[in-house]
Amino acid sequence: MEKGGQIKDFHIVAIFPDTSDVVKRTLQSEGLSFDAIPSVALSAFKVEGTPTAILVDQNGRVIKAWVGELSAAQQEVVLDTLQPSSRM
């Protein structure tokens, strides 16, 4: 799906409320290789639960958000949203 936090023209960044050590272990155990920022107050982004995925444009405007663990079908919706024909 992605390599080094990139899916096509999109860059993935994960924010975590946890310490950097916890984040590093989590990413390694899940086999994820995208950028992560530890020790973030999720409330600053109006995130009330995890996981939450937020798609923002280059100007920082929220395009769409998904809350909770996504089913395979919901993951496909997210990926379809990232297709060039869906871009705003």
PDB file of N, CA and C in Angstrom:
ATOM      1  N   MET A   1       0.827  -1.188   0.000  1.00  0.00           N
ATOM      2  CA  MET A   1       0.000   0.000   0.000  1.00  0.00           C
ATOM      3  C   MET A   1       0.868   1.247   0.000  1.00  0.00           C
ATOM      4  N   GLU A   2       1.723   1.403   0.964  1.00  0.00           N
ATOM      5  CA  GLU A   2       2.546   2.592   1.019  1.00  0.00           C
ATOM      6  C   GLU A   2       3.979   2.230   1.350  1.00  0.00           C
ATOM      7  N   LYS A   3       4.868   3.118   1.027  1.00  0.00           N
ATOM      8  CA  LYS A   3       6.285   2.917   1.302  1.00  0.00           C
ATOM      9  C   LYS A   3       6.803   4.215   1.874  1.00  0.00           C
ATOM     10  N   GLY A   4       7.325   4.173   3.079  1.00  0.00           N
ATOM     11  CA  GLY A   4       7.891   5.367   3.683  1.00  0.00           C
ATOM     12  C   GLY A   4       6.899   6.494   3.881  1.00  0.00           C
ATOM     13  N   GLY A   5       5.637   6.155   4.141  1.00  0.00           N
ATOM     14  CA  GLY A   5       4.642   7.184   4.399  1.00  0.00           C
ATOM     15  C   GLY A   5       4.067   7.821   3.159  1.00  0.00           C
ATOM     16  N   GLN A   6       4.222   7.197   2.007  1.00  0.00           N
ATOM     17  CA  GLN A   6       3.697   7.768   0.771  1.00  0.00           C
ATOM     18  C   GLN A   6       2.675   6.824   0.146  1.00  0.00           C
ATOM     19  N   ILE A   7       1.556   7.347  -0.264  1.00  0.00           N
ATOM     20  CA  ILE A   7       0.601   6.668  -1.130  1.00  0.00           C
ATOM     21  C   ILE A   7       0.383   7.623  -2.283  1.00  0.00           C
ATOM     22  N   LYS A   8       0.939   7.283  -3.431  1.00  0.00           N
ATOM     23  CA  LYS A   8       0.867   8.154  -4.603  1.00  0.00           C
ATOM     24  C   LYS A   8       1.375   9.547  -4.218  1.00  0.00           C
ATOM     25  N   ASP A   9       0.531  10.571  -4.329  1.00  0.00           N
ATOM     26  CA  ASP A   9       0.952  11.940  -4.031  1.00  0.00           C
ATOM     27  C   ASP A   9       0.639  12.363  -2.599  1.00  0.00           C
ATOM     28  N   PHE A  10       0.263  11.425  -1.755  1.00  0.00           N
ATOM     29  CA  PHE A  10      -0.130  11.736  -0.391  1.00  0.00           C
ATOM     30  C   PHE A  10       0.973  11.349   0.584  1.00  0.00           C
ATOM     31  N   HIS A  11       1.101  12.108   1.631  1.00  0.00           N
ATOM     32  CA  HIS A  11       2.086  11.836   2.684  1.00  0.00           C
ATOM     33  C   HIS A  11       1.327  11.505   3.966  1.00  0.00           C
ATOM     34  N   ILE A  12       1.696  10.399   4.579  1.00  0.00           N
ATOM     35  CA  ILE A  12       1.023   9.962   5.800  1.00  0.00           C
ATOM     36  C   ILE A  12       1.857  10.363   7.009  1.00  0.00           C
ATOM     37  N   VAL A  13       1.192  10.990   7.972  1.00  0.00           N
ATOM     38  CA  VAL A  13       1.813  11.335   9.246  1.00  0.00           C
ATOM     39  C   VAL A  13       0.849  10.884  10.339  1.00  0.00           C
ATOM     40  N   ALA A  14       1.357  10.140  11.289  1.00  0.00           N
ATOM     41  CA  ALA A  14       0.532   9.686  12.409  1.00  0.00           C
ATOM     42  C   ALA A  14       0.895  10.479  13.647  1.00  0.00           C
ATOM     43  N   ILE A  15      -0.115  10.875  14.398  1.00  0.00           N
ATOM     44  CA  ILE A  15       0.139  11.535  15.673  1.00  0.00           C
ATOM     45  C   ILE A  15      -0.335  10.601  16.787  1.00  0.00           C
ATOM     46  N   PHE A  16       0.412  10.592  17.854  1.00  0.00           N
ATOM     47  CA  PHE A  16       0.131   9.706  18.980  1.00  0.00           C
ATOM     48  C   PHE A  16       0.159  10.490  20.284  1.00  0.00           C
ATOM     49  N   PRO A  17      -0.687  10.121  21.243  1.00  0.00           N
ATOM     50  CA  PRO A  17      -0.591  10.738  22.567  1.00  0.00           C
ATOM     51  C   PRO A  17       0.523  10.103  23.398  1.00  0.00           C
ATOM     52  N   ASP A  18       1.070   8.986  22.899  1.00  0.00           N
ATOM     53  CA  ASP A  18       2.074   8.210  23.631  1.00  0.00           C
ATOM     54  C   ASP A  18       3.483   8.783  23.474  1.00  0.00           C
ATOM     55  N   THR A  19       4.388   8.287  24.316  1.00  0.00           N
ATOM     56  CA  THR A  19       5.794   8.702  24.247  1.00  0.00           C
ATOM     57  C   THR A  19       6.446   8.154  22.979  1.00  0.00           C
ATOM     58  N   SER A  20       7.598   8.694  22.633  1.00  0.00           N
ATOM     59  CA  SER A  20       8.302   8.255  21.430  1.00  0.00           C
ATOM     60  C   SER A  20       8.690   6.784  21.487  1.00  0.00           C
ATOM     61  N   ASP A  21       9.046   6.283  22.672  1.00  0.00           N
ATOM     62  CA  ASP A  21       9.389   4.864  22.798  1.00  0.00           C
ATOM     63  C   ASP A  21       8.188   3.975  22.487  1.00  0.00           C
ATOM     64  N   VAL A  22       7.029   4.335  23.000  1.00  0.00           N
ATOM     65  CA  VAL A  22       5.812   3.559  22.752  1.00  0.00           C
ATOM     66  C   VAL A  22       5.449   3.623  21.270  1.00  0.00           C
ATOM     67  N   VAL A  23       5.565   4.800  20.683  1.00  0.00           N
ATOM     68  CA  VAL A  23       5.238   4.968  19.265  1.00  0.00           C
ATOM     69  C   VAL A  23       6.165   4.111  18.408  1.00  0.00           C
ATOM     70  N   LYS A  24       7.437   4.149  18.698  1.00  0.00           N
ATOM     71  CA  LYS A  24       8.414   3.363  17.933  1.00  0.00           C
ATOM     72  C   LYS A  24       8.079   1.879  18.009  1.00  0.00           C
ATOM     73  N   ARG A  25       7.797   1.380  19.202  1.00  0.00           N
ATOM     74  CA  ARG A  25       7.447  -0.033  19.371  1.00  0.00           C
ATOM     75  C   ARG A  25       6.150  -0.378  18.633  1.00  0.00           C
ATOM     76  N   THR A  26       5.189   0.521  18.702  1.00  0.00           N
ATOM     77  CA  THR A  26       3.911   0.280  18.030  1.00  0.00           C
ATOM     78  C   THR A  26       4.097   0.193  16.518  1.00  0.00           C
ATOM     79  N   LEU A  27       4.813   1.134  15.952  1.00  0.00           N
ATOM     80  CA  LEU A  27       5.032   1.119  14.502  1.00  0.00           C
ATOM     81  C   LEU A  27       5.796  -0.125  14.080  1.00  0.00           C
ATOM     82  N   GLN A  28       6.812  -0.495  14.843  1.00  0.00           N
ATOM     83  CA  GLN A  28       7.583  -1.699  14.521  1.00  0.00           C
ATOM     84  C   GLN A  28       6.723  -2.949  14.614  1.00  0.00           C
ATOM     85  N   SER A  29       5.944  -3.072  15.672  1.00  0.00           N
ATOM     86  CA  SER A  29       5.131  -4.281  15.858  1.00  0.00           C
ATOM     87  C   SER A  29       4.046  -4.410  14.801  1.00  0.00           C
ATOM     88  N   GLU A  30       3.577  -3.277  14.273  1.00  0.00           N
ATOM     89  CA  GLU A  30       2.546  -3.294  13.239  1.00  0.00           C
ATOM     90  C   GLU A  30       3.132  -3.305  11.829  1.00  0.00           C
ATOM     91  N   GLY A  31       4.470  -3.197  11.726  1.00  0.00           N
ATOM     92  CA  GLY A  31       5.114  -3.197  10.419  1.00  0.00           C
ATOM     93  C   GLY A  31       4.826  -1.952   9.607  1.00  0.00           C
ATOM     94  N   LEU A  32       4.679  -0.821  10.288  1.00  0.00           N
ATOM     95  CA  LEU A  32       4.357   0.450   9.621  1.00  0.00           C
ATOM     96  C   LEU A  32       5.618   1.286   9.458  1.00  0.00           C
ATOM     97  N   SER A  33       5.670   2.028   8.355  1.00  0.00           N
ATOM     98  CA  SER A  33       6.878   2.803   8.078  1.00  0.00           C
ATOM     99  C   SER A  33       6.572   4.240   7.678  1.00  0.00           C
ATOM    100  N   PHE A  34       5.656   4.874   8.402  1.00  0.00           N
ATOM    101  CA  PHE A  34       5.392   6.270   8.083  1.00  0.00           C
ATOM    102  C   PHE A  34       5.824   7.177   9.228  1.00  0.00           C
ATOM    103  N   ASP A  35       5.874   8.469   8.936  1.00  0.00           N
ATOM    104  CA  ASP A  35       6.288   9.440   9.948  1.00  0.00           C
ATOM    105  C   ASP A  35       5.281   9.471  11.084  1.00  0.00           C
ATOM    106  N   ALA A  36       5.799   9.638  12.291  1.00  0.00           N
ATOM    107  CA  ALA A  36       4.938   9.701  13.468  1.00  0.00           C
ATOM    108  C   ALA A  36       5.428  10.797  14.399  1.00  0.00           C
ATOM    109  N   ILE A  37       4.478  11.452  15.018  1.00  0.00           N
ATOM    110  CA  ILE A  37       4.789  12.498  15.988  1.00  0.00           C
ATOM    111  C   ILE A  37       4.224  12.052  17.330  1.00  0.00           C
ATOM    112  N   PRO A  38       5.096  11.841  18.317  1.00  0.00           N
ATOM    113  CA  PRO A  38       4.638  11.381  19.632  1.00  0.00           C
ATOM    114  C   PRO A  38       4.204  12.534  20.531  1.00  0.00           C
ATOM    115  N   SER A  39       3.568  12.171  21.625  1.00  0.00           N
ATOM    116  CA  SER A  39       3.224  13.098  22.716  1.00  0.00           C
ATOM    117  C   SER A  39       2.368  14.278  22.274  1.00  0.00           C
ATOM    118  N   VAL A  40       1.375  14.001  21.442  1.00  0.00           N
ATOM    119  CA  VAL A  40       0.489  15.048  20.949  1.00  0.00           C
ATOM    120  C   VAL A  40      -0.822  15.004  21.734  1.00  0.00           C
ATOM    121  N   ALA A  41      -1.298  16.156  22.133  1.00  0.00           N
ATOM    122  CA  ALA A  41      -2.618  16.246  22.770  1.00  0.00           C
ATOM    123  C   ALA A  41      -3.656  16.132  21.664  1.00  0.00           C
ATOM    124  N   LEU A  42      -4.284  14.968  21.556  1.00  0.00           N
ATOM    125  CA  LEU A  42      -5.226  14.738  20.456  1.00  0.00           C
ATOM    126  C   LEU A  42      -6.394  15.708  20.469  1.00  0.00           C
ATOM    127  N   SER A  43      -6.727  16.215  21.628  1.00  0.00           N
ATOM    128  CA  SER A  43      -7.817  17.188  21.715  1.00  0.00           C
ATOM    129  C   SER A  43      -7.512  18.452  20.913  1.00  0.00           C
ATOM    130  N   ALA A  44      -6.236  18.742  20.698  1.00  0.00           N
ATOM    131  CA  ALA A  44      -5.849  19.910  19.898  1.00  0.00           C
ATOM    132  C   ALA A  44      -6.339  19.778  18.455  1.00  0.00           C
ATOM    133  N   PHE A  45      -6.557  18.529  18.024  1.00  0.00           N
ATOM    134  CA  PHE A  45      -7.048  18.263  16.673  1.00  0.00           C
ATOM    135  C   PHE A  45      -8.514  17.836  16.688  1.00  0.00           C
ATOM    136  N   LYS A  46      -9.156  18.020  17.836  1.00  0.00           N
ATOM    137  CA  LYS A  46     -10.560  17.639  18.030  1.00  0.00           C
ATOM    138  C   LYS A  46     -10.776  16.148  17.801  1.00  0.00           C
ATOM    139  N   VAL A  47      -9.772  15.354  18.138  1.00  0.00           N
ATOM    140  CA  VAL A  47      -9.864  13.901  18.053  1.00  0.00           C
ATOM    141  C   VAL A  47     -10.251  13.392  19.427  1.00  0.00           C
ATOM    142  N   GLU A  48     -11.393  12.713  19.481  1.00  0.00           N
ATOM    143  CA  GLU A  48     -11.885  12.224  20.762  1.00  0.00           C
ATOM    144  C   GLU A  48     -11.675  10.739  20.947  1.00  0.00           C
ATOM    145  N   GLY A  49     -11.286  10.020  19.904  1.00  0.00           N
ATOM    146  CA  GLY A  49     -11.065   8.590  20.006  1.00  0.00           C
ATOM    147  C   GLY A  49     -10.056   8.137  18.980  1.00  0.00           C
ATOM    148  N   THR A  50      -9.477   6.990  19.231  1.00  0.00           N
ATOM    149  CA  THR A  50      -8.507   6.455  18.289  1.00  0.00           C
ATOM    150  C   THR A  50      -8.907   5.037  17.919  1.00  0.00           C
ATOM    151  N   PRO A  51      -8.559   4.632  16.714  1.00  0.00           N
ATOM    152  CA  PRO A  51      -7.876   5.432  15.701  1.00  0.00           C
ATOM    153  C   PRO A  51      -8.839   6.383  14.989  1.00  0.00           C
ATOM    154  N   THR A  52      -8.291   7.476  14.515  1.00  0.00           N
ATOM    155  CA  THR A  52      -9.007   8.429  13.683  1.00  0.00           C
ATOM    156  C   THR A  52      -8.097   8.774  12.508  1.00  0.00           C
ATOM    157  N   ALA A  53      -8.639   8.735  11.309  1.00  0.00           N
ATOM    158  CA  ALA A  53      -7.893   9.130  10.112  1.00  0.00           C
ATOM    159  C   ALA A  53      -8.513  10.418   9.590  1.00  0.00           C
ATOM    160  N   ILE A  54      -7.668  11.392   9.312  1.00  0.00           N
ATOM    161  CA  ILE A  54      -8.147  12.686   8.820  1.00  0.00           C
ATOM    162  C   ILE A  54      -7.395  13.022   7.536  1.00  0.00           C
ATOM    163  N   LEU A  55      -8.135  13.281   6.476  1.00  0.00           N
ATOM    164  CA  LEU A  55      -7.547  13.678   5.203  1.00  0.00           C
ATOM    165  C   LEU A  55      -7.621  15.191   5.111  1.00  0.00           C
ATOM    166  N   VAL A  56      -6.460  15.822   4.968  1.00  0.00           N
ATOM    167  CA  VAL A  56      -6.408  17.277   4.832  1.00  0.00           C
ATOM    168  C   VAL A  56      -5.754  17.640   3.514  1.00  0.00           C
ATOM    169  N   ASP A  57      -6.119  18.794   2.979  1.00  0.00           N
ATOM    170  CA  ASP A  57      -5.501  19.241   1.743  1.00  0.00           C
ATOM    171  C   ASP A  57      -4.205  19.983   2.047  1.00  0.00           C
ATOM    172  N   GLN A  58      -3.562  20.467   1.010  1.00  0.00           N
ATOM    173  CA  GLN A  58      -2.273  21.151   1.173  1.00  0.00           C
ATOM    174  C   GLN A  58      -2.380  22.443   1.979  1.00  0.00           C
ATOM    175  N   ASN A  59      -3.611  22.939   2.168  1.00  0.00           N
ATOM    176  CA  ASN A  59      -3.823  24.150   2.956  1.00  0.00           C
ATOM    177  C   ASN A  59      -4.255  23.852   4.391  1.00  0.00           C
ATOM    178  N   GLY A  60      -4.280  22.564   4.737  1.00  0.00           N
ATOM    179  CA  GLY A  60      -4.653  22.184   6.092  1.00  0.00           C
ATOM    180  C   GLY A  60      -6.147  22.085   6.334  1.00  0.00           C
ATOM    181  N   ARG A  61      -6.957  22.151   5.277  1.00  0.00           N
ATOM    182  CA  ARG A  61      -8.403  22.015   5.419  1.00  0.00           C
ATOM    183  C   ARG A  61      -8.787  20.538   5.456  1.00  0.00           C
ATOM    184  N   VAL A  62      -9.670  20.192   6.364  1.00  0.00           N
ATOM    185  CA  VAL A  62     -10.131  18.807   6.466  1.00  0.00           C
ATOM    186  C   VAL A  62     -11.061  18.495   5.304  1.00  0.00           C
ATOM    187  N   ILE A  63     -10.733  17.432   4.584  1.00  0.00           N
ATOM    188  CA  ILE A  63     -11.545  16.977   3.456  1.00  0.00           C
ATOM    189  C   ILE A  63     -12.527  15.911   3.922  1.00  0.00           C
ATOM    190  N   LYS A  64     -12.032  14.975   4.732  1.00  0.00           N
ATOM    191  CA  LYS A  64     -12.855  13.875   5.208  1.00  0.00           C
ATOM    192  C   LYS A  64     -12.186  13.280   6.443  1.00  0.00           C
ATOM    193  N   ALA A  65     -12.984  12.626   7.288  1.00  0.00           N
ATOM    194  CA  ALA A  65     -12.445  11.980   8.489  1.00  0.00           C
ATOM    195  C   ALA A  65     -13.141  10.640   8.693  1.00  0.00           C
ATOM    196  N   TRP A  66     -12.394   9.695   9.258  1.00  0.00           N
ATOM    197  CA  TRP A  66     -12.900   8.373   9.581  1.00  0.00           C
ATOM    198  C   TRP A  66     -12.522   8.081  11.026  1.00  0.00           C
ATOM    199  N   VAL A  67     -13.486   7.617  11.813  1.00  0.00           N
ATOM    200  CA  VAL A  67     -13.248   7.368  13.232  1.00  0.00           C
ATOM    201  C   VAL A  67     -13.434   5.882  13.514  1.00  0.00           C
ATOM    202  N   GLY A  68     -12.525   5.338  14.299  1.00  0.00           N
ATOM    203  CA  GLY A  68     -12.614   3.935  14.697  1.00  0.00           C
ATOM    204  C   GLY A  68     -11.829   3.017  13.785  1.00  0.00           C
ATOM    205  N   GLU A  69     -11.715   1.770  14.217  1.00  0.00           N
ATOM    206  CA  GLU A  69     -11.022   0.770  13.403  1.00  0.00           C
ATOM    207  C   GLU A  69     -11.869   0.489  12.169  1.00  0.00           C
ATOM    208  N   LEU A  70     -11.245   0.543  11.013  1.00  0.00           N
ATOM    209  CA  LEU A  70     -11.972   0.412   9.756  1.00  0.00           C
ATOM    210  C   LEU A  70     -12.024  -1.035   9.293  1.00  0.00           C
ATOM    211  N   SER A  71     -13.185  -1.432   8.805  1.00  0.00           N
ATOM    212  CA  SER A  71     -13.326  -2.753   8.181  1.00  0.00           C
ATOM    213  C   SER A  71     -12.605  -2.723   6.835  1.00  0.00           C
ATOM    214  N   ALA A  72     -12.475  -3.876   6.211  1.00  0.00           N
ATOM    215  CA  ALA A  72     -11.836  -3.935   4.891  1.00  0.00           C
ATOM    216  C   ALA A  72     -12.580  -3.059   3.891  1.00  0.00           C
ATOM    217  N   ALA A  73     -13.906  -3.077   3.949  1.00  0.00           N
ATOM    218  CA  ALA A  73     -14.707  -2.255   3.028  1.00  0.00           C
ATOM    219  C   ALA A  73     -14.473  -0.760   3.280  1.00  0.00           C
ATOM    220  N   GLN A  74     -14.400  -0.381   4.552  1.00  0.00           N
ATOM    221  CA  GLN A  74     -14.155   1.025   4.884  1.00  0.00           C
ATOM    222  C   GLN A  74     -12.748   1.446   4.462  1.00  0.00           C
ATOM    223  N   GLN A  75     -11.777   0.558   4.595  1.00  0.00           N
ATOM    224  CA  GLN A  75     -10.416   0.860   4.140  1.00  0.00           C
ATOM    225  C   GLN A  75     -10.404   1.122   2.639  1.00  0.00           C
ATOM    226  N   GLU A  76     -11.197   0.348   1.888  1.00  0.00           N
ATOM    227  CA  GLU A  76     -11.298   0.563   0.447  1.00  0.00           C
ATOM    228  C   GLU A  76     -11.885   1.942   0.135  1.00  0.00           C
ATOM    229  N   VAL A  77     -12.859   2.377   0.945  1.00  0.00           N
ATOM    230  CA  VAL A  77     -13.436   3.711   0.757  1.00  0.00           C
ATOM    231  C   VAL A  77     -12.358   4.779   0.951  1.00  0.00           C
ATOM    232  N   VAL A  78     -11.534   4.602   1.983  1.00  0.00           N
ATOM    233  CA  VAL A  78     -10.443   5.553   2.228  1.00  0.00           C
ATOM    234  C   VAL A  78      -9.504   5.584   1.033  1.00  0.00           C
ATOM    235  N   LEU A  79      -9.085   4.419   0.561  1.00  0.00           N
ATOM    236  CA  LEU A  79      -8.173   4.365  -0.586  1.00  0.00           C
ATOM    237  C   LEU A  79      -8.807   4.940  -1.843  1.00  0.00           C
ATOM    238  N   ASP A  80     -10.101   4.674  -2.050  1.00  0.00           N
ATOM    239  CA  ASP A  80     -10.798   5.255  -3.196  1.00  0.00           C
ATOM    240  C   ASP A  80     -10.826   6.779  -3.111  1.00  0.00           C
ATOM    241  N   THR A  81     -10.934   7.307  -1.898  1.00  0.00           N
ATOM    242  CA  THR A  81     -10.934   8.755  -1.694  1.00  0.00           C
ATOM    243  C   THR A  81      -9.605   9.367  -2.133  1.00  0.00           C
ATOM    244  N   LEU A  82      -8.541   8.581  -2.053  1.00  0.00           N
ATOM    245  CA  LEU A  82      -7.212   9.081  -2.419  1.00  0.00           C
ATOM    246  C   LEU A  82      -6.917   9.006  -3.904  1.00  0.00           C
ATOM    247  N   GLN A  83      -7.832   8.431  -4.672  1.00  0.00           N
ATOM    248  CA  GLN A  83      -7.630   8.327  -6.116  1.00  0.00           C
ATOM    249  C   GLN A  83      -7.690   9.722  -6.734  1.00  0.00           C
ATOM    250  N   PRO A  84      -6.912   9.964  -7.804  1.00  0.00           N
ATOM    251  CA  PRO A  84      -6.865  11.298  -8.418  1.00  0.00           C
ATOM    252  C   PRO A  84      -8.218  11.861  -8.805  1.00  0.00           C
ATOM    253  N   SER A  85      -9.159  11.036  -9.242  1.00  0.00           N
ATOM    254  CA  SER A  85     -10.463  11.562  -9.663  1.00  0.00           C
ATOM    255  C   SER A  85     -11.275  12.103  -8.480  1.00  0.00           C
ATOM    256  N   SER A  86     -10.868  11.713  -7.261  1.00  0.00           N
ATOM    257  CA  SER A  86     -11.608  12.153  -6.062  1.00  0.00           C
ATOM    258  C   SER A  86     -11.020  13.397  -5.434  1.00  0.00           C
ATOM    259  N   ARG A  87      -9.873  13.833  -5.908  1.00  0.00           N
ATOM    260  CA  ARG A  87      -9.209  14.985  -5.271  1.00  0.00           C
ATOM    261  C   ARG A  87      -9.987  16.256  -5.472  1.00  0.00           C
ATOM    262  N   MET A  88      -9.878  17.137  -4.450  1.00  0.00           N
ATOM    263  CA  MET A  88     -10.543  18.430  -4.524  1.00  0.00           C
ATOM    264  C   MET A  88      -9.547  19.474  -4.921  1.00  0.00           C
TER     265      MET A  88
END
